[in-house]
């Protein structure tokens, strides 16, 4: 059988690296895409790409097709987080969160649609957030942008109902990363979700075993440290 290919955005960060490495360990060929500069000058690393820009996203996808091949799966991890009360911020933060979390997923889904629709057993997996369902103080902009990812997931799954493409999202709670530990040093880290566990859930949703699942937003909330 031909080697499967996955394109992963936000692939140079802690979570993106864990997901990319997990797919590689499973035998997939990985196209790693990110806004940050590529950490390695190697095949499969595509850096310095502003995926909020439709033309740049399209060019990035065409480069993946030319250098890596036609992906069987797209994983949208690119995004960011800001904790800010409305009294301390305003529309600028909301726009920034929308662009980083929602628009990057929209543009990449858009440019990947034709390719994925032509691949048997294709999958899109988006990264939402558990906080999107119930935003606490300071979480409004972030939660709203991740709620947009959930609605994109549901709507796109319905659009592709007649195609062999599944579209799902995962909803992590706090992810155990060095940045989150530094920001919340007094928290119980054992309750936080490990990047490797998120990677396993994403890989399952991209696998043949998950073909009956589409349009779902799946909580990933159990710490396994």
N, C-alpha and C. Protein backbone atom coordinates (compact mmCIF):
# COMPACT_ATOMS: atom_id res chain seq x y z
N UNK A 1 0.83 -1.20 0.00
CA UNK A 1 0.00 0.00 0.00
C UNK A 1 0.87 1.25 0.00
N UNK A 2 0.37 2.33 -0.63
CA UNK A 2 1.09 3.59 -0.62
C UNK A 2 1.14 4.15 0.79
N UNK A 3 2.24 4.84 1.11
CA UNK A 3 2.37 5.47 2.42
C UNK A 3 1.39 6.62 2.54
N UNK A 4 0.67 6.68 3.66
CA UNK A 4 -0.27 7.76 3.87
C UNK A 4 0.48 9.04 4.22
N UNK A 5 -0.16 10.16 3.89
CA UNK A 5 0.43 11.48 4.11
C UNK A 5 -0.52 12.33 4.94
N UNK A 6 0.04 13.05 5.91
CA UNK A 6 -0.74 13.98 6.71
C UNK A 6 -0.08 15.35 6.68
N UNK A 7 -0.90 16.40 6.51
CA UNK A 7 -0.43 17.78 6.61
C UNK A 7 -0.88 18.33 7.96
N UNK A 8 0.05 18.89 8.71
CA UNK A 8 -0.23 19.38 10.06
C UNK A 8 0.18 20.84 10.16
N UNK A 9 -0.77 21.71 10.53
CA UNK A 9 -0.43 23.11 10.74
C UNK A 9 -0.08 23.33 12.22
N UNK A 10 0.68 24.40 12.47
CA UNK A 10 1.15 24.62 13.84
C UNK A 10 2.08 23.50 14.28
N UNK A 11 2.81 22.95 13.33
CA UNK A 11 3.54 21.70 13.57
C UNK A 11 4.85 21.88 14.31
N UNK A 12 5.30 23.13 14.51
CA UNK A 12 6.59 23.32 15.16
C UNK A 12 6.48 23.54 16.67
N UNK A 13 5.26 23.72 17.18
CA UNK A 13 5.07 23.93 18.61
C UNK A 13 5.09 22.63 19.39
N UNK A 14 4.84 22.72 20.69
CA UNK A 14 4.87 21.54 21.55
C UNK A 14 3.85 20.50 21.11
N UNK A 15 2.59 20.92 20.98
CA UNK A 15 1.56 19.97 20.56
C UNK A 15 1.76 19.54 19.11
N UNK A 16 2.05 20.49 18.23
CA UNK A 16 2.24 20.14 16.83
C UNK A 16 3.38 19.17 16.62
N UNK A 17 4.46 19.35 17.37
CA UNK A 17 5.59 18.43 17.26
C UNK A 17 5.23 17.03 17.75
N UNK A 18 4.48 16.97 18.85
CA UNK A 18 4.06 15.67 19.38
C UNK A 18 3.16 14.94 18.40
N UNK A 19 2.24 15.67 17.78
CA UNK A 19 1.34 15.05 16.80
C UNK A 19 2.11 14.63 15.56
N UNK A 20 2.99 15.48 15.08
CA UNK A 20 3.79 15.15 13.90
C UNK A 20 4.65 13.92 14.14
N UNK A 21 5.31 13.88 15.28
CA UNK A 21 6.18 12.74 15.60
C UNK A 21 5.37 11.45 15.74
N UNK A 22 4.17 11.55 16.30
CA UNK A 22 3.35 10.36 16.48
C UNK A 22 2.92 9.79 15.13
N UNK A 23 2.48 10.65 14.23
CA UNK A 23 2.13 10.17 12.88
C UNK A 23 3.33 9.55 12.19
N UNK A 24 4.50 10.18 12.34
CA UNK A 24 5.70 9.62 11.72
C UNK A 24 6.01 8.25 12.30
N UNK A 25 5.84 8.09 13.61
CA UNK A 25 6.08 6.80 14.25
C UNK A 25 5.11 5.73 13.74
N UNK A 26 3.91 6.17 13.33
CA UNK A 26 2.91 5.24 12.79
C UNK A 26 3.15 4.91 11.32
N UNK A 27 4.16 5.54 10.73
CA UNK A 27 4.50 5.23 9.34
C UNK A 27 3.96 6.20 8.32
N UNK A 28 3.32 7.30 8.79
CA UNK A 28 2.81 8.30 7.87
C UNK A 28 3.95 9.22 7.42
N UNK A 29 3.82 9.76 6.23
CA UNK A 29 4.70 10.82 5.78
C UNK A 29 4.08 12.13 6.23
N UNK A 30 4.86 13.03 6.82
CA UNK A 30 4.32 14.22 7.48
C UNK A 30 4.80 15.50 6.81
N UNK A 31 3.85 16.36 6.47
CA UNK A 31 4.14 17.72 6.02
C UNK A 31 3.89 18.65 7.19
N UNK A 32 4.93 19.27 7.71
CA UNK A 32 4.85 20.12 8.90
C UNK A 32 4.82 21.59 8.47
N UNK A 33 3.72 22.26 8.78
CA UNK A 33 3.47 23.63 8.32
C UNK A 33 3.33 24.55 9.52
N UNK A 34 3.96 25.74 9.46
CA UNK A 34 3.86 26.64 10.60
C UNK A 34 4.15 28.07 10.20
N UNK A 35 3.68 28.99 11.04
CA UNK A 35 3.99 30.42 10.89
C UNK A 35 5.45 30.69 11.26
N UNK A 36 5.95 29.95 12.22
CA UNK A 36 7.33 30.12 12.68
C UNK A 36 8.32 29.64 11.61
N UNK A 37 9.56 30.13 11.68
CA UNK A 37 10.57 29.63 10.74
C UNK A 37 10.79 28.13 10.94
N UNK A 38 11.10 27.44 9.86
CA UNK A 38 11.33 26.00 9.95
C UNK A 38 12.56 25.71 10.81
N UNK A 39 12.42 24.81 11.80
CA UNK A 39 13.55 24.51 12.67
C UNK A 39 14.61 23.65 12.00
N UNK A 40 14.23 23.01 10.89
CA UNK A 40 15.17 22.15 10.16
C UNK A 40 15.04 22.43 8.67
N UNK A 41 16.17 22.39 7.97
CA UNK A 41 16.16 22.53 6.52
C UNK A 41 16.09 21.14 5.92
N UNK A 42 14.91 20.53 6.08
CA UNK A 42 14.71 19.16 5.62
C UNK A 42 13.39 19.04 4.88
N UNK A 43 13.25 18.00 4.13
CA UNK A 43 11.99 17.73 3.44
C UNK A 43 10.86 17.59 4.46
N UNK A 44 9.74 18.19 4.16
CA UNK A 44 8.59 18.06 5.03
C UNK A 44 8.39 19.21 5.99
N UNK A 45 9.33 20.17 6.03
CA UNK A 45 9.22 21.33 6.92
C UNK A 45 8.92 22.57 6.08
N UNK A 46 7.77 23.20 6.37
CA UNK A 46 7.35 24.38 5.61
C UNK A 46 7.07 25.51 6.62
N UNK A 47 8.00 26.46 6.74
CA UNK A 47 7.89 27.49 7.75
C UNK A 47 7.67 28.88 7.18
N UNK A 48 7.40 29.84 8.09
CA UNK A 48 7.23 31.23 7.72
C UNK A 48 5.96 31.51 6.93
N UNK A 49 4.87 30.76 7.23
CA UNK A 49 3.65 30.84 6.43
C UNK A 49 2.49 31.41 7.25
N UNK A 50 1.95 32.54 6.81
CA UNK A 50 0.80 33.16 7.46
C UNK A 50 -0.47 32.53 6.88
N UNK A 51 -1.00 31.55 7.57
CA UNK A 51 -2.13 30.78 7.06
C UNK A 51 -3.46 31.53 7.16
N UNK A 52 -3.45 32.74 7.71
CA UNK A 52 -4.67 33.55 7.67
C UNK A 52 -4.86 34.17 6.28
N UNK A 53 -3.82 34.12 5.48
CA UNK A 53 -3.84 34.67 4.13
C UNK A 53 -4.16 33.55 3.14
N UNK A 54 -5.27 33.68 2.41
CA UNK A 54 -5.72 32.62 1.52
C UNK A 54 -4.69 32.29 0.44
N UNK A 55 -4.06 33.30 -0.12
CA UNK A 55 -3.08 33.05 -1.18
C UNK A 55 -1.86 32.32 -0.64
N UNK A 56 -1.42 32.69 0.55
CA UNK A 56 -0.26 32.02 1.14
C UNK A 56 -0.61 30.58 1.50
N UNK A 57 -1.81 30.37 2.03
CA UNK A 57 -2.25 29.01 2.35
C UNK A 57 -2.32 28.14 1.10
N UNK A 58 -2.82 28.70 0.02
CA UNK A 58 -2.90 27.97 -1.25
C UNK A 58 -1.51 27.62 -1.76
N UNK A 59 -0.60 28.58 -1.69
CA UNK A 59 0.76 28.33 -2.14
C UNK A 59 1.43 27.26 -1.28
N UNK A 60 1.17 27.30 0.02
CA UNK A 60 1.74 26.29 0.92
C UNK A 60 1.22 24.90 0.56
N UNK A 61 -0.08 24.83 0.29
CA UNK A 61 -0.66 23.53 -0.06
C UNK A 61 -0.09 22.99 -1.37
N UNK A 62 0.08 23.86 -2.34
CA UNK A 62 0.65 23.43 -3.61
C UNK A 62 2.09 22.95 -3.44
N UNK A 63 2.81 23.59 -2.52
CA UNK A 63 4.18 23.15 -2.24
C UNK A 63 4.19 21.78 -1.59
N UNK A 64 3.25 21.53 -0.70
CA UNK A 64 3.13 20.20 -0.10
C UNK A 64 2.85 19.16 -1.17
N UNK A 65 1.92 19.46 -2.06
CA UNK A 65 1.58 18.52 -3.12
C UNK A 65 2.79 18.21 -3.99
N UNK A 66 3.57 19.24 -4.31
CA UNK A 66 4.71 19.06 -5.21
C UNK A 66 5.86 18.31 -4.54
N UNK A 67 6.09 18.57 -3.26
CA UNK A 67 7.27 18.02 -2.59
C UNK A 67 7.01 16.76 -1.77
N UNK A 68 5.78 16.61 -1.27
CA UNK A 68 5.47 15.49 -0.39
C UNK A 68 4.47 14.52 -1.02
N UNK A 69 3.46 15.07 -1.69
CA UNK A 69 2.41 14.25 -2.28
C UNK A 69 1.05 14.70 -1.80
N UNK A 70 0.01 13.95 -2.19
CA UNK A 70 -1.36 14.30 -1.83
C UNK A 70 -1.71 13.79 -0.44
N UNK A 71 -1.98 14.71 0.50
CA UNK A 71 -2.31 14.27 1.86
C UNK A 71 -3.62 13.49 1.93
N UNK A 72 -3.63 12.51 2.82
CA UNK A 72 -4.85 11.78 3.15
C UNK A 72 -5.56 12.42 4.33
N UNK A 73 -4.84 13.29 5.06
CA UNK A 73 -5.42 13.92 6.24
C UNK A 73 -4.83 15.30 6.44
N UNK A 74 -5.66 16.17 7.01
CA UNK A 74 -5.25 17.52 7.41
C UNK A 74 -5.56 17.68 8.88
N UNK A 75 -4.56 18.12 9.65
CA UNK A 75 -4.74 18.38 11.08
C UNK A 75 -4.45 19.85 11.33
N UNK A 76 -5.46 20.59 11.78
CA UNK A 76 -5.33 22.03 12.02
C UNK A 76 -5.04 22.31 13.49
N UNK A 77 -3.76 22.50 13.80
CA UNK A 77 -3.33 22.81 15.16
C UNK A 77 -2.97 24.28 15.30
N UNK A 78 -2.64 24.95 14.22
CA UNK A 78 -2.21 26.35 14.28
C UNK A 78 -3.20 27.20 15.07
N UNK A 79 -2.67 28.03 15.95
CA UNK A 79 -3.54 28.88 16.76
C UNK A 79 -2.78 29.53 17.89
N UNK A 80 -3.52 30.13 18.81
CA UNK A 80 -2.88 30.80 19.93
C UNK A 80 -3.87 31.05 21.04
N UNK A 81 -3.38 31.61 22.12
CA UNK A 81 -4.21 31.84 23.31
C UNK A 81 -3.87 33.18 23.93
N UNK A 82 -4.90 33.90 24.35
CA UNK A 82 -4.73 35.13 25.13
C UNK A 82 -5.75 35.12 26.26
N UNK A 83 -5.29 35.38 27.48
CA UNK A 83 -6.20 35.59 28.62
C UNK A 83 -6.29 37.09 28.82
N UNK A 84 -7.50 37.64 28.62
CA UNK A 84 -7.66 39.07 28.74
C UNK A 84 -9.11 39.42 29.02
N UNK A 85 -9.35 40.16 30.09
CA UNK A 85 -10.69 40.64 30.38
C UNK A 85 -11.06 41.73 29.38
N UNK A 86 -12.33 41.85 29.09
CA UNK A 86 -12.77 42.87 28.14
C UNK A 86 -12.43 44.26 28.62
N UNK A 87 -12.45 44.45 29.94
CA UNK A 87 -12.12 45.78 30.50
C UNK A 87 -10.67 46.15 30.25
N UNK A 88 -9.81 45.17 30.00
CA UNK A 88 -8.40 45.43 29.77
C UNK A 88 -8.01 45.38 28.29
N UNK A 89 -8.93 44.93 27.45
CA UNK A 89 -8.61 44.78 26.03
C UNK A 89 -9.74 45.28 25.18
N UNK A 90 -10.07 44.51 24.15
CA UNK A 90 -11.15 44.94 23.28
C UNK A 90 -11.16 44.22 21.95
N UNK A 91 -11.70 44.85 20.92
CA UNK A 91 -11.88 44.21 19.62
C UNK A 91 -10.60 43.68 19.00
N UNK A 92 -9.47 44.34 19.26
CA UNK A 92 -8.21 43.89 18.68
C UNK A 92 -7.86 42.48 19.09
N UNK A 93 -8.07 42.16 20.36
CA UNK A 93 -7.78 40.81 20.85
C UNK A 93 -8.74 39.80 20.24
N UNK A 94 -10.00 40.16 20.16
CA UNK A 94 -11.00 39.25 19.58
C UNK A 94 -10.67 38.97 18.11
N UNK A 95 -10.27 40.01 17.39
CA UNK A 95 -9.91 39.80 15.99
C UNK A 95 -8.67 38.92 15.87
N UNK A 96 -7.69 39.16 16.74
CA UNK A 96 -6.46 38.36 16.71
C UNK A 96 -6.75 36.90 16.97
N UNK A 97 -7.58 36.61 17.96
CA UNK A 97 -7.92 35.22 18.27
C UNK A 97 -8.70 34.57 17.13
N UNK A 98 -9.60 35.33 16.53
CA UNK A 98 -10.36 34.78 15.40
C UNK A 98 -9.41 34.43 14.25
N UNK A 99 -8.49 35.32 13.96
CA UNK A 99 -7.57 35.06 12.85
C UNK A 99 -6.66 33.87 13.15
N UNK A 100 -6.14 33.79 14.35
CA UNK A 100 -5.20 32.72 14.69
C UNK A 100 -5.87 31.36 14.80
N UNK A 101 -7.05 31.32 15.40
CA UNK A 101 -7.68 30.03 15.71
C UNK A 101 -8.73 29.58 14.71
N UNK A 102 -9.54 30.52 14.25
CA UNK A 102 -10.63 30.16 13.34
C UNK A 102 -10.21 30.28 11.89
N UNK A 103 -9.65 31.43 11.53
CA UNK A 103 -9.36 31.68 10.12
C UNK A 103 -8.29 30.75 9.57
N UNK A 104 -7.29 30.40 10.37
CA UNK A 104 -6.27 29.46 9.88
C UNK A 104 -6.89 28.11 9.52
N UNK A 105 -7.85 27.67 10.33
CA UNK A 105 -8.53 26.40 10.02
C UNK A 105 -9.40 26.53 8.78
N UNK A 106 -10.08 27.67 8.64
CA UNK A 106 -10.92 27.90 7.47
C UNK A 106 -10.10 27.89 6.18
N UNK A 107 -9.00 28.65 6.16
CA UNK A 107 -8.20 28.74 4.94
C UNK A 107 -7.60 27.40 4.57
N UNK A 108 -7.10 26.64 5.54
CA UNK A 108 -6.48 25.37 5.22
C UNK A 108 -7.50 24.32 4.79
N UNK A 109 -8.66 24.31 5.42
CA UNK A 109 -9.72 23.41 4.96
C UNK A 109 -10.11 23.75 3.53
N UNK A 110 -10.22 25.03 3.24
CA UNK A 110 -10.60 25.49 1.91
C UNK A 110 -9.61 25.01 0.85
N UNK A 111 -8.33 25.23 1.08
CA UNK A 111 -7.34 24.87 0.05
C UNK A 111 -7.15 23.37 -0.07
N UNK A 112 -7.51 22.62 0.98
CA UNK A 112 -7.30 21.18 0.96
C UNK A 112 -8.50 20.40 0.44
N UNK A 113 -9.65 21.04 0.29
CA UNK A 113 -10.89 20.32 -0.01
C UNK A 113 -10.81 19.45 -1.24
N UNK A 114 -10.37 20.00 -2.36
CA UNK A 114 -10.36 19.23 -3.60
C UNK A 114 -9.44 18.02 -3.51
N UNK A 115 -8.28 18.22 -2.89
CA UNK A 115 -7.33 17.11 -2.74
C UNK A 115 -7.92 16.01 -1.88
N UNK A 116 -8.45 16.37 -0.72
CA UNK A 116 -8.96 15.37 0.21
C UNK A 116 -10.17 14.65 -0.35
N UNK A 117 -11.02 15.38 -1.08
CA UNK A 117 -12.21 14.77 -1.66
C UNK A 117 -11.85 13.70 -2.69
N UNK A 118 -10.64 13.77 -3.23
CA UNK A 118 -10.20 12.78 -4.21
C UNK A 118 -9.42 11.65 -3.61
N UNK A 119 -9.23 11.66 -2.29
CA UNK A 119 -8.48 10.61 -1.61
C UNK A 119 -9.43 9.67 -0.88
N UNK A 120 -9.25 8.37 -0.99
CA UNK A 120 -10.11 7.44 -0.23
C UNK A 120 -9.81 7.52 1.27
N UNK A 121 -10.85 7.55 2.06
CA UNK A 121 -10.69 7.55 3.51
C UNK A 121 -9.97 8.76 4.05
N UNK A 122 -10.29 9.94 3.52
CA UNK A 122 -9.61 11.16 3.96
C UNK A 122 -10.22 11.70 5.25
N UNK A 123 -9.45 12.55 5.95
CA UNK A 123 -9.92 13.08 7.23
C UNK A 123 -9.38 14.47 7.48
N UNK A 124 -10.20 15.28 8.15
CA UNK A 124 -9.78 16.57 8.68
C UNK A 124 -10.01 16.53 10.18
N UNK A 125 -9.01 16.92 10.95
CA UNK A 125 -9.15 17.00 12.41
C UNK A 125 -8.75 18.41 12.84
N UNK A 126 -9.67 19.10 13.49
CA UNK A 126 -9.43 20.46 13.98
C UNK A 126 -9.23 20.46 15.49
N UNK A 127 -8.49 21.44 15.98
CA UNK A 127 -8.28 21.59 17.42
C UNK A 127 -9.21 22.67 17.95
N UNK A 128 -10.23 22.26 18.69
CA UNK A 128 -11.10 23.20 19.36
C UNK A 128 -10.60 23.41 20.78
N UNK A 129 -11.53 23.57 21.72
CA UNK A 129 -11.15 23.75 23.13
C UNK A 129 -12.35 23.47 24.01
N UNK A 130 -12.09 22.82 25.13
CA UNK A 130 -13.16 22.58 26.08
C UNK A 130 -13.79 23.88 26.57
N UNK A 131 -12.99 24.94 26.65
CA UNK A 131 -13.48 26.23 27.15
C UNK A 131 -14.47 26.90 26.21
N UNK A 132 -14.57 26.42 24.97
CA UNK A 132 -15.45 27.06 23.99
C UNK A 132 -16.92 26.95 24.39
N UNK A 133 -17.26 25.94 25.18
CA UNK A 133 -18.66 25.74 25.57
C UNK A 133 -19.08 26.61 26.75
N UNK A 134 -18.12 27.06 27.54
CA UNK A 134 -18.45 27.83 28.75
C UNK A 134 -17.25 28.69 29.13
N UNK A 135 -17.25 29.93 28.65
CA UNK A 135 -16.09 30.80 28.81
C UNK A 135 -16.05 31.45 30.19
N UNK A 136 -14.93 31.30 30.87
CA UNK A 136 -14.71 31.96 32.15
C UNK A 136 -14.19 33.38 31.91
N UNK A 137 -14.01 34.13 32.98
CA UNK A 137 -13.49 35.49 32.87
C UNK A 137 -12.14 35.48 32.16
N UNK A 138 -11.97 36.42 31.25
CA UNK A 138 -10.72 36.53 30.51
C UNK A 138 -10.59 35.57 29.35
N UNK A 139 -11.59 34.70 29.16
CA UNK A 139 -11.51 33.67 28.13
C UNK A 139 -12.42 33.95 26.93
N UNK A 140 -13.09 35.10 26.93
CA UNK A 140 -14.10 35.37 25.92
C UNK A 140 -13.58 35.28 24.50
N UNK A 141 -12.51 35.99 24.18
CA UNK A 141 -12.00 36.04 22.81
C UNK A 141 -11.52 34.66 22.36
N UNK A 142 -10.77 33.99 23.23
CA UNK A 142 -10.26 32.67 22.89
C UNK A 142 -11.39 31.67 22.71
N UNK A 143 -12.33 31.66 23.66
CA UNK A 143 -13.44 30.70 23.60
C UNK A 143 -14.31 30.94 22.37
N UNK A 144 -14.55 32.19 22.04
CA UNK A 144 -15.36 32.49 20.86
C UNK A 144 -14.69 32.00 19.59
N UNK A 145 -13.38 32.18 19.50
CA UNK A 145 -12.66 31.73 18.30
C UNK A 145 -12.68 30.21 18.19
N UNK A 146 -12.59 29.52 19.32
CA UNK A 146 -12.64 28.06 19.29
C UNK A 146 -14.06 27.55 19.07
N UNK A 147 -15.06 28.31 19.49
CA UNK A 147 -16.44 27.96 19.15
C UNK A 147 -16.63 28.03 17.64
N UNK A 148 -15.95 28.98 17.00
CA UNK A 148 -15.99 29.06 15.55
C UNK A 148 -15.41 27.82 14.90
N UNK A 149 -14.37 27.25 15.49
CA UNK A 149 -13.79 26.01 14.97
C UNK A 149 -14.79 24.87 15.07
N UNK A 150 -15.53 24.82 16.17
CA UNK A 150 -16.55 23.77 16.33
C UNK A 150 -17.64 23.89 15.28
N UNK A 151 -18.09 25.12 15.03
CA UNK A 151 -19.14 25.31 14.03
C UNK A 151 -18.62 25.01 12.62
N UNK A 152 -17.37 25.37 12.34
CA UNK A 152 -16.75 25.00 11.07
C UNK A 152 -16.74 23.50 10.91
N UNK A 153 -16.37 22.80 11.96
CA UNK A 153 -16.30 21.34 11.91
C UNK A 153 -17.66 20.74 11.58
N UNK A 154 -18.68 21.18 12.27
CA UNK A 154 -20.03 20.65 12.05
C UNK A 154 -20.52 20.96 10.64
N UNK A 155 -20.36 22.21 10.23
CA UNK A 155 -20.86 22.64 8.93
C UNK A 155 -20.14 21.93 7.78
N UNK A 156 -18.80 21.82 7.89
CA UNK A 156 -18.03 21.20 6.83
C UNK A 156 -18.33 19.70 6.75
N UNK A 157 -18.54 19.07 7.90
CA UNK A 157 -18.91 17.65 7.89
C UNK A 157 -20.21 17.45 7.14
N UNK A 158 -21.17 18.36 7.32
CA UNK A 158 -22.44 18.27 6.61
C UNK A 158 -22.25 18.52 5.11
N UNK A 159 -21.39 19.48 4.76
CA UNK A 159 -21.12 19.76 3.35
C UNK A 159 -20.51 18.55 2.65
N UNK A 160 -19.68 17.81 3.37
CA UNK A 160 -18.95 16.69 2.77
C UNK A 160 -19.61 15.34 3.04
N UNK A 161 -20.87 15.37 3.41
CA UNK A 161 -21.57 14.13 3.78
C UNK A 161 -21.56 13.11 2.65
N UNK A 162 -21.54 13.56 1.40
CA UNK A 162 -21.54 12.63 0.28
C UNK A 162 -20.16 12.25 -0.20
N UNK A 163 -19.13 12.76 0.47
CA UNK A 163 -17.75 12.46 0.10
C UNK A 163 -17.12 11.51 1.13
N UNK A 164 -16.00 10.92 0.75
CA UNK A 164 -15.31 10.01 1.67
C UNK A 164 -14.31 10.80 2.51
N UNK A 165 -14.82 11.86 3.16
CA UNK A 165 -13.98 12.71 4.01
C UNK A 165 -14.70 12.92 5.34
N UNK A 166 -14.06 12.58 6.44
CA UNK A 166 -14.62 12.87 7.75
C UNK A 166 -14.03 14.18 8.27
N UNK A 167 -14.81 14.89 9.06
CA UNK A 167 -14.37 16.16 9.66
C UNK A 167 -14.75 16.14 11.13
N UNK A 168 -13.75 16.18 11.99
CA UNK A 168 -13.99 16.14 13.43
C UNK A 168 -13.09 17.14 14.15
N UNK A 169 -13.44 17.41 15.39
CA UNK A 169 -12.61 18.29 16.23
C UNK A 169 -12.40 17.63 17.58
N UNK A 170 -11.31 17.97 18.21
CA UNK A 170 -11.10 17.56 19.59
C UNK A 170 -11.13 18.80 20.48
N UNK A 171 -11.56 18.60 21.72
CA UNK A 171 -11.71 19.71 22.66
C UNK A 171 -10.83 19.46 23.88
N UNK A 172 -9.57 19.83 23.81
CA UNK A 172 -8.69 19.61 24.97
C UNK A 172 -9.01 20.58 26.10
N UNK A 173 -8.76 20.12 27.32
CA UNK A 173 -8.69 21.04 28.44
C UNK A 173 -7.25 21.55 28.51
N UNK A 174 -6.74 21.94 29.66
CA UNK A 174 -5.39 22.51 29.72
C UNK A 174 -4.36 21.47 29.30
N UNK A 175 -3.51 21.85 28.35
CA UNK A 175 -2.48 20.95 27.85
C UNK A 175 -1.20 21.17 28.64
N UNK A 176 -0.53 20.09 28.97
CA UNK A 176 0.70 20.17 29.76
C UNK A 176 1.86 20.58 28.87
N UNK A 177 2.14 21.88 28.88
CA UNK A 177 3.26 22.43 28.12
C UNK A 177 4.12 23.29 29.04
N UNK A 178 5.39 23.52 28.68
CA UNK A 178 6.23 24.39 29.51
C UNK A 178 5.63 25.78 29.71
N UNK A 179 5.00 26.34 28.69
CA UNK A 179 4.40 27.67 28.81
C UNK A 179 3.28 27.68 29.82
N UNK A 180 2.39 26.68 29.75
CA UNK A 180 1.28 26.62 30.71
C UNK A 180 1.77 26.40 32.13
N UNK A 181 2.82 25.61 32.30
CA UNK A 181 3.37 25.41 33.65
C UNK A 181 3.95 26.70 34.21
N UNK A 182 4.62 27.46 33.33
CA UNK A 182 5.19 28.73 33.77
C UNK A 182 4.10 29.74 34.12
N UNK A 183 2.99 29.72 33.36
CA UNK A 183 1.90 30.66 33.60
C UNK A 183 1.07 30.29 34.82
N UNK A 184 1.02 28.99 35.15
CA UNK A 184 0.20 28.50 36.27
C UNK A 184 1.02 27.58 37.17
N UNK A 185 2.04 28.13 37.83
CA UNK A 185 2.98 27.28 38.58
C UNK A 185 2.38 26.55 39.77
N UNK A 186 1.24 27.00 40.28
CA UNK A 186 0.63 26.38 41.45
C UNK A 186 -0.46 25.36 41.09
N UNK A 187 -0.64 25.11 39.82
CA UNK A 187 -1.71 24.20 39.37
C UNK A 187 -1.30 22.74 39.59
N UNK A 188 -2.29 21.87 39.55
CA UNK A 188 -2.06 20.42 39.62
C UNK A 188 -1.78 19.91 38.22
N UNK A 189 -0.51 19.77 37.87
CA UNK A 189 -0.15 19.38 36.52
C UNK A 189 -0.63 17.97 36.16
N UNK A 190 -0.83 17.14 37.16
CA UNK A 190 -1.24 15.75 36.88
C UNK A 190 -2.61 15.67 36.24
N UNK A 191 -3.40 16.73 36.37
CA UNK A 191 -4.74 16.72 35.78
C UNK A 191 -4.75 17.26 34.35
N UNK A 192 -3.61 17.73 33.89
CA UNK A 192 -3.54 18.32 32.55
C UNK A 192 -3.34 17.23 31.50
N UNK A 193 -3.81 17.52 30.30
CA UNK A 193 -3.73 16.56 29.20
C UNK A 193 -2.33 16.59 28.58
N UNK A 194 -1.78 15.40 28.36
CA UNK A 194 -0.46 15.29 27.76
C UNK A 194 -0.54 15.41 26.23
N UNK A 195 0.40 16.14 25.61
CA UNK A 195 0.40 16.23 24.14
C UNK A 195 0.39 14.87 23.46
N UNK A 196 1.09 13.89 24.03
CA UNK A 196 1.13 12.57 23.39
C UNK A 196 -0.24 11.91 23.37
N UNK A 197 -1.06 12.18 24.39
CA UNK A 197 -2.41 11.59 24.41
C UNK A 197 -3.31 12.27 23.38
N UNK A 198 -3.16 13.57 23.21
CA UNK A 198 -3.90 14.27 22.17
C UNK A 198 -3.51 13.72 20.80
N UNK A 199 -2.21 13.48 20.62
CA UNK A 199 -1.73 12.94 19.35
C UNK A 199 -2.38 11.60 19.04
N UNK A 200 -2.56 10.76 20.04
CA UNK A 200 -3.18 9.45 19.82
C UNK A 200 -4.64 9.58 19.40
N UNK A 201 -5.35 10.52 20.02
CA UNK A 201 -6.76 10.72 19.65
C UNK A 201 -6.86 11.23 18.22
N UNK A 202 -6.00 12.18 17.86
CA UNK A 202 -6.02 12.72 16.50
C UNK A 202 -5.71 11.63 15.49
N UNK A 203 -4.70 10.82 15.77
CA UNK A 203 -4.33 9.74 14.85
C UNK A 203 -5.48 8.75 14.69
N UNK A 204 -6.19 8.48 15.77
CA UNK A 204 -7.36 7.59 15.67
C UNK A 204 -8.41 8.18 14.74
N UNK A 205 -8.70 9.48 14.89
CA UNK A 205 -9.73 10.11 14.06
C UNK A 205 -9.32 10.15 12.59
N UNK A 206 -8.03 10.08 12.33
CA UNK A 206 -7.55 10.06 10.94
C UNK A 206 -7.43 8.65 10.40
N UNK A 207 -7.68 7.66 11.23
CA UNK A 207 -7.47 6.27 10.83
C UNK A 207 -8.72 5.66 10.21
N UNK A 208 -8.54 4.49 9.61
CA UNK A 208 -9.67 3.76 9.01
C UNK A 208 -10.68 3.32 10.07
N UNK A 209 -10.24 3.14 11.31
CA UNK A 209 -11.13 2.69 12.38
C UNK A 209 -12.17 3.74 12.76
N UNK A 210 -11.96 4.99 12.36
CA UNK A 210 -12.87 6.08 12.75
C UNK A 210 -13.73 6.57 11.59
N UNK A 211 -13.92 5.77 10.58
CA UNK A 211 -14.65 6.24 9.40
C UNK A 211 -16.12 6.54 9.69
N UNK A 212 -16.68 5.98 10.75
CA UNK A 212 -18.08 6.21 11.08
C UNK A 212 -18.30 7.49 11.89
N UNK A 213 -17.22 8.19 12.22
CA UNK A 213 -17.32 9.39 13.06
C UNK A 213 -17.09 10.63 12.19
N UNK A 214 -18.05 11.54 12.16
CA UNK A 214 -17.85 12.82 11.48
C UNK A 214 -18.77 13.88 12.08
N UNK A 215 -18.31 15.12 12.06
CA UNK A 215 -19.06 16.22 12.64
C UNK A 215 -19.03 16.25 14.16
N UNK A 216 -18.12 15.51 14.76
CA UNK A 216 -18.08 15.39 16.21
C UNK A 216 -17.03 16.34 16.81
N UNK A 217 -17.32 16.82 18.01
CA UNK A 217 -16.35 17.55 18.83
C UNK A 217 -16.14 16.73 20.09
N UNK A 218 -14.96 16.16 20.20
CA UNK A 218 -14.70 15.13 21.20
C UNK A 218 -13.84 15.70 22.34
N UNK A 219 -14.35 15.71 23.57
CA UNK A 219 -13.54 16.18 24.70
C UNK A 219 -12.33 15.29 24.94
N UNK A 220 -11.20 15.92 25.19
CA UNK A 220 -9.97 15.21 25.57
C UNK A 220 -9.51 15.90 26.85
N UNK A 221 -9.83 15.29 27.98
CA UNK A 221 -9.73 16.03 29.24
C UNK A 221 -9.07 15.25 30.39
N UNK A 222 -8.59 14.06 30.13
CA UNK A 222 -8.10 13.25 31.24
C UNK A 222 -6.57 13.32 31.32
N UNK A 223 -6.06 13.76 32.45
CA UNK A 223 -4.61 13.77 32.65
C UNK A 223 -4.12 12.36 32.87
N UNK A 224 -2.95 12.06 32.30
CA UNK A 224 -2.36 10.72 32.42
C UNK A 224 -0.91 10.79 32.87
N UNK A 225 -0.54 11.91 33.49
CA UNK A 225 0.85 12.07 33.92
C UNK A 225 1.20 11.06 34.99
